[in-house]
Amino acid sequence: MSEPPRSRSDPSRSAVPRPRRSAALRPPVPNRPRVDTNSPEYKRAARNYTRTLVALPILIVTSWYLFDRLALGNQQKVLLDPSATPASSVGEKRG
């Protein structure tokens, strides 16, 4: 038979905290040099990163639409000319 699960307020649970690892056992934290944000290398990397983040969504969407047309056989969407008016409303006056 198994015991029912104990609740957090169960007094039979130990109130003793876990022992902490001493500083001698912790791995040393490397001292990283500060990044100079005004350096040409940093600015070049930032431009490339920004360019990639802007281009990826455009590339993914246009690739999907091209795949949809070429591989799946769907028709190309046609944009309507906003200056063209329907033939039925050419001679009508509203009022």
N, C-alpha and C. Protein backbone atom coordinates (compact mmCIF):
# COMPACT_ATOMS: atom_id res chain seq x y z
N MET A 1 0.84 -1.18 0.00
CA MET A 1 0.00 0.00 0.00
C MET A 1 0.88 1.24 0.00
N SER A 2 0.52 2.18 -0.79
CA SER A 2 1.29 3.40 -0.85
C SER A 2 0.63 4.47 0.00
N GLU A 3 1.46 5.39 0.47
CA GLU A 3 0.94 6.48 1.29
C GLU A 3 0.31 7.53 0.40
N PRO A 4 -0.70 8.24 0.89
CA PRO A 4 -1.26 9.35 0.12
C PRO A 4 -0.23 10.47 0.04
N PRO A 5 -0.28 11.26 -1.01
CA PRO A 5 0.70 12.35 -1.12
C PRO A 5 0.52 13.37 0.00
N ARG A 6 1.64 13.87 0.48
CA ARG A 6 1.60 14.83 1.58
C ARG A 6 1.40 16.24 1.04
N SER A 7 0.69 17.04 1.78
CA SER A 7 0.49 18.42 1.39
C SER A 7 1.69 19.26 1.85
N ARG A 8 1.77 20.47 1.36
CA ARG A 8 2.90 21.35 1.73
C ARG A 8 2.86 21.73 3.21
N SER A 9 1.69 21.75 3.80
CA SER A 9 1.59 22.17 5.20
C SER A 9 1.70 20.98 6.15
N ASP A 10 2.13 19.85 5.65
CA ASP A 10 2.25 18.65 6.48
C ASP A 10 3.41 18.83 7.46
N PRO A 11 3.14 18.74 8.78
CA PRO A 11 4.21 18.98 9.76
C PRO A 11 5.26 17.87 9.77
N SER A 12 4.97 16.72 9.18
CA SER A 12 5.95 15.63 9.20
C SER A 12 7.07 15.84 8.20
N ARG A 13 6.93 16.83 7.32
CA ARG A 13 8.00 17.12 6.37
C ARG A 13 9.13 17.84 7.08
N SER A 14 10.31 17.62 6.60
CA SER A 14 11.47 18.23 7.23
C SER A 14 11.52 19.72 6.89
N ALA A 15 11.80 20.54 7.88
CA ALA A 15 11.90 21.98 7.68
C ALA A 15 13.35 22.40 7.48
N VAL A 16 14.25 21.43 7.41
CA VAL A 16 15.66 21.74 7.26
C VAL A 16 15.93 22.03 5.79
N PRO A 17 16.54 23.18 5.46
CA PRO A 17 16.83 23.50 4.06
C PRO A 17 17.94 22.61 3.52
N ARG A 18 17.97 22.49 2.22
CA ARG A 18 19.04 21.70 1.59
C ARG A 18 20.38 22.40 1.79
N PRO A 19 21.43 21.61 1.90
CA PRO A 19 22.74 22.26 2.04
C PRO A 19 23.13 22.94 0.74
N ARG A 20 23.73 24.11 0.84
CA ARG A 20 24.15 24.86 -0.33
C ARG A 20 25.54 24.41 -0.73
N ARG A 21 25.80 24.50 -2.03
CA ARG A 21 27.13 24.16 -2.50
C ARG A 21 28.08 25.28 -2.10
N SER A 22 29.22 24.91 -1.67
CA SER A 22 30.18 25.93 -1.27
C SER A 22 30.77 26.60 -2.50
N ALA A 23 31.35 27.75 -2.32
CA ALA A 23 31.92 28.50 -3.43
C ALA A 23 33.07 27.75 -4.07
N ALA A 24 33.73 26.88 -3.30
CA ALA A 24 34.85 26.12 -3.85
C ALA A 24 34.38 25.08 -4.86
N LEU A 25 33.15 24.62 -4.73
CA LEU A 25 32.63 23.60 -5.64
C LEU A 25 32.00 24.18 -6.91
N ARG A 26 31.69 25.46 -6.90
CA ARG A 26 31.07 26.09 -8.06
C ARG A 26 32.10 26.32 -9.15
N PRO A 27 31.70 26.14 -10.41
CA PRO A 27 32.66 26.42 -11.48
C PRO A 27 32.92 27.92 -11.56
N PRO A 28 34.13 28.31 -11.91
CA PRO A 28 34.43 29.75 -11.98
C PRO A 28 33.69 30.40 -13.14
N VAL A 29 33.25 31.62 -12.91
CA VAL A 29 32.55 32.38 -13.94
C VAL A 29 33.60 33.13 -14.74
N PRO A 30 33.62 32.92 -16.07
CA PRO A 30 34.66 33.61 -16.85
C PRO A 30 34.38 35.11 -16.91
N ASN A 31 35.43 35.88 -16.86
CA ASN A 31 35.30 37.32 -16.98
C ASN A 31 35.28 37.66 -18.47
N ARG A 32 34.12 37.99 -18.96
CA ARG A 32 33.97 38.31 -20.38
C ARG A 32 34.33 39.77 -20.60
N PRO A 33 35.04 40.04 -21.67
CA PRO A 33 35.34 41.45 -21.95
C PRO A 33 34.07 42.17 -22.40
N ARG A 34 33.99 43.43 -22.07
CA ARG A 34 32.82 44.21 -22.47
C ARG A 34 32.87 44.44 -23.97
N VAL A 35 31.70 44.43 -24.59
CA VAL A 35 31.61 44.62 -26.03
C VAL A 35 31.56 46.10 -26.33
N ASP A 36 32.40 46.52 -27.25
CA ASP A 36 32.42 47.92 -27.67
C ASP A 36 31.39 48.09 -28.78
N THR A 37 30.26 48.72 -28.47
CA THR A 37 29.18 48.86 -29.45
C THR A 37 29.48 49.90 -30.52
N ASN A 38 30.58 50.64 -30.36
CA ASN A 38 30.95 51.63 -31.37
C ASN A 38 32.00 51.11 -32.35
N SER A 39 32.42 49.86 -32.17
CA SER A 39 33.46 49.33 -33.05
C SER A 39 32.85 48.98 -34.42
N PRO A 40 33.65 49.06 -35.48
CA PRO A 40 33.14 48.73 -36.82
C PRO A 40 32.70 47.27 -36.94
N GLU A 41 33.38 46.36 -36.23
CA GLU A 41 33.01 44.95 -36.29
C GLU A 41 31.61 44.72 -35.69
N TYR A 42 31.36 45.39 -34.57
CA TYR A 42 30.05 45.25 -33.92
C TYR A 42 28.95 45.83 -34.81
N LYS A 43 29.21 46.99 -35.40
CA LYS A 43 28.20 47.62 -36.26
C LYS A 43 27.93 46.77 -37.50
N ARG A 44 28.96 46.17 -38.06
CA ARG A 44 28.78 45.30 -39.22
C ARG A 44 27.93 44.07 -38.84
N ALA A 45 28.23 43.48 -37.69
CA ALA A 45 27.47 42.32 -37.23
C ALA A 45 26.02 42.70 -36.93
N ALA A 46 25.81 43.88 -36.35
CA ALA A 46 24.44 44.34 -36.05
C ALA A 46 23.66 44.57 -37.33
N ARG A 47 24.30 45.15 -38.36
CA ARG A 47 23.62 45.35 -39.65
C ARG A 47 23.25 44.02 -40.28
N ASN A 48 24.16 43.06 -40.24
CA ASN A 48 23.87 41.75 -40.82
C ASN A 48 22.73 41.05 -40.07
N TYR A 49 22.73 41.16 -38.77
CA TYR A 49 21.67 40.56 -37.96
C TYR A 49 20.32 41.21 -38.27
N THR A 50 20.29 42.53 -38.33
CA THR A 50 19.05 43.24 -38.65
C THR A 50 18.58 42.90 -40.05
N ARG A 51 19.49 42.87 -41.00
CA ARG A 51 19.16 42.54 -42.38
C ARG A 51 18.55 41.13 -42.46
N THR A 52 19.10 40.20 -41.71
CA THR A 52 18.59 38.83 -41.70
C THR A 52 17.19 38.77 -41.10
N LEU A 53 16.98 39.48 -39.99
CA LEU A 53 15.66 39.46 -39.35
C LEU A 53 14.59 40.11 -40.23
N VAL A 54 14.95 41.07 -41.04
CA VAL A 54 13.99 41.70 -41.93
C VAL A 54 13.73 40.81 -43.15
N ALA A 55 14.78 40.19 -43.67
CA ALA A 55 14.66 39.42 -44.92
C ALA A 55 14.00 38.07 -44.73
N LEU A 56 14.18 37.42 -43.60
CA LEU A 56 13.64 36.07 -43.43
C LEU A 56 12.13 35.99 -43.58
N PRO A 57 11.32 36.83 -42.93
CA PRO A 57 9.88 36.73 -43.12
C PRO A 57 9.46 36.97 -44.57
N ILE A 58 10.12 37.92 -45.24
CA ILE A 58 9.80 38.18 -46.64
C ILE A 58 10.13 36.96 -47.48
N LEU A 59 11.28 36.36 -47.25
CA LEU A 59 11.68 35.17 -47.99
C LEU A 59 10.73 34.01 -47.74
N ILE A 60 10.32 33.81 -46.51
CA ILE A 60 9.42 32.69 -46.18
C ILE A 60 8.06 32.88 -46.84
N VAL A 61 7.49 34.07 -46.77
CA VAL A 61 6.16 34.31 -47.34
C VAL A 61 6.18 34.22 -48.86
N THR A 62 7.16 34.84 -49.49
CA THR A 62 7.20 34.77 -50.96
C THR A 62 7.48 33.36 -51.43
N SER A 63 8.30 32.61 -50.69
CA SER A 63 8.54 31.22 -51.07
C SER A 63 7.26 30.40 -50.95
N TRP A 64 6.48 30.66 -49.91
CA TRP A 64 5.23 29.92 -49.74
C TRP A 64 4.27 30.21 -50.89
N TYR A 65 4.12 31.46 -51.26
CA TYR A 65 3.21 31.79 -52.35
C TYR A 65 3.69 31.21 -53.67
N LEU A 66 4.99 31.22 -53.91
CA LEU A 66 5.52 30.62 -55.13
C LEU A 66 5.31 29.12 -55.13
N PHE A 67 5.53 28.45 -54.00
CA PHE A 67 5.27 27.02 -53.88
C PHE A 67 3.79 26.72 -54.10
N ASP A 68 2.93 27.57 -53.54
CA ASP A 68 1.49 27.38 -53.67
C ASP A 68 1.07 27.44 -55.14
N ARG A 69 1.68 28.34 -55.91
CA ARG A 69 1.33 28.48 -57.32
C ARG A 69 1.96 27.38 -58.17
N LEU A 70 3.24 27.10 -57.96
CA LEU A 70 3.95 26.18 -58.85
C LEU A 70 3.70 24.71 -58.50
N ALA A 71 3.80 24.33 -57.25
CA ALA A 71 3.69 22.93 -56.87
C ALA A 71 2.24 22.50 -56.65
N LEU A 72 1.44 23.36 -56.06
CA LEU A 72 0.06 22.98 -55.74
C LEU A 72 -0.91 23.36 -56.85
N GLY A 73 -0.48 24.17 -57.80
CA GLY A 73 -1.30 24.50 -58.95
C GLY A 73 -2.37 25.54 -58.74
N ASN A 74 -2.30 26.32 -57.68
CA ASN A 74 -3.29 27.38 -57.47
C ASN A 74 -3.01 28.55 -58.40
N GLN A 75 -4.04 29.31 -58.71
CA GLN A 75 -3.92 30.43 -59.64
C GLN A 75 -3.30 31.64 -58.96
N GLN A 76 -2.64 32.46 -59.76
CA GLN A 76 -2.07 33.70 -59.27
C GLN A 76 -3.19 34.66 -58.92
N LYS A 77 -3.05 35.37 -57.82
CA LYS A 77 -4.07 36.35 -57.44
C LYS A 77 -3.96 37.56 -58.33
N VAL A 78 -5.11 38.12 -58.71
CA VAL A 78 -5.15 39.27 -59.60
C VAL A 78 -5.62 40.48 -58.81
N LEU A 79 -4.87 41.56 -58.90
CA LEU A 79 -5.27 42.79 -58.23
C LEU A 79 -6.22 43.57 -59.12
N LEU A 80 -7.25 44.15 -58.52
CA LEU A 80 -8.20 44.96 -59.27
C LEU A 80 -7.68 46.36 -59.43
N ASP A 81 -7.99 46.99 -60.57
CA ASP A 81 -7.58 48.37 -60.82
C ASP A 81 -8.53 49.28 -60.06
N PRO A 82 -8.04 50.07 -59.10
CA PRO A 82 -8.94 50.90 -58.30
C PRO A 82 -9.59 52.03 -59.11
N SER A 83 -9.00 52.42 -60.24
CA SER A 83 -9.60 53.50 -61.02
C SER A 83 -10.72 52.99 -61.92
N ALA A 84 -10.76 51.69 -62.16
CA ALA A 84 -11.82 51.13 -63.00
C ALA A 84 -13.11 51.04 -62.19
N THR A 85 -14.23 51.41 -62.80
CA THR A 85 -15.52 51.34 -62.12
C THR A 85 -16.33 50.23 -62.74
N PRO A 86 -17.18 49.59 -61.94
CA PRO A 86 -18.04 48.55 -62.52
C PRO A 86 -18.95 49.11 -63.60
N ALA A 87 -19.24 48.32 -64.62
CA ALA A 87 -20.04 48.76 -65.77
C ALA A 87 -21.48 49.12 -65.39
N SER A 88 -21.99 48.50 -64.34
CA SER A 88 -23.39 48.73 -63.97
C SER A 88 -23.60 50.10 -63.32
N SER A 89 -22.55 50.69 -62.72
CA SER A 89 -22.74 51.94 -62.01
C SER A 89 -22.18 53.15 -62.77
N VAL A 90 -21.85 52.99 -64.04
CA VAL A 90 -21.24 54.08 -64.80
C VAL A 90 -22.23 55.22 -65.02
N GLY A 91 -23.44 54.94 -65.44
CA GLY A 91 -24.40 55.98 -65.76
C GLY A 91 -25.34 56.34 -64.63
N GLU A 92 -25.23 55.68 -63.49
CA GLU A 92 -26.18 55.91 -62.40
C GLU A 92 -25.71 57.08 -61.52
N LYS A 93 -26.70 57.81 -61.00
CA LYS A 93 -26.41 58.86 -60.04
C LYS A 93 -26.98 58.44 -58.69
N ARG A 94 -26.25 58.72 -57.67
CA ARG A 94 -26.74 58.40 -56.32
C ARG A 94 -27.44 59.63 -55.77
N GLY A 95 -28.43 59.36 -54.99
CA GLY A 95 -29.00 60.56 -54.44
C GLY A 95 -30.28 60.40 -53.87
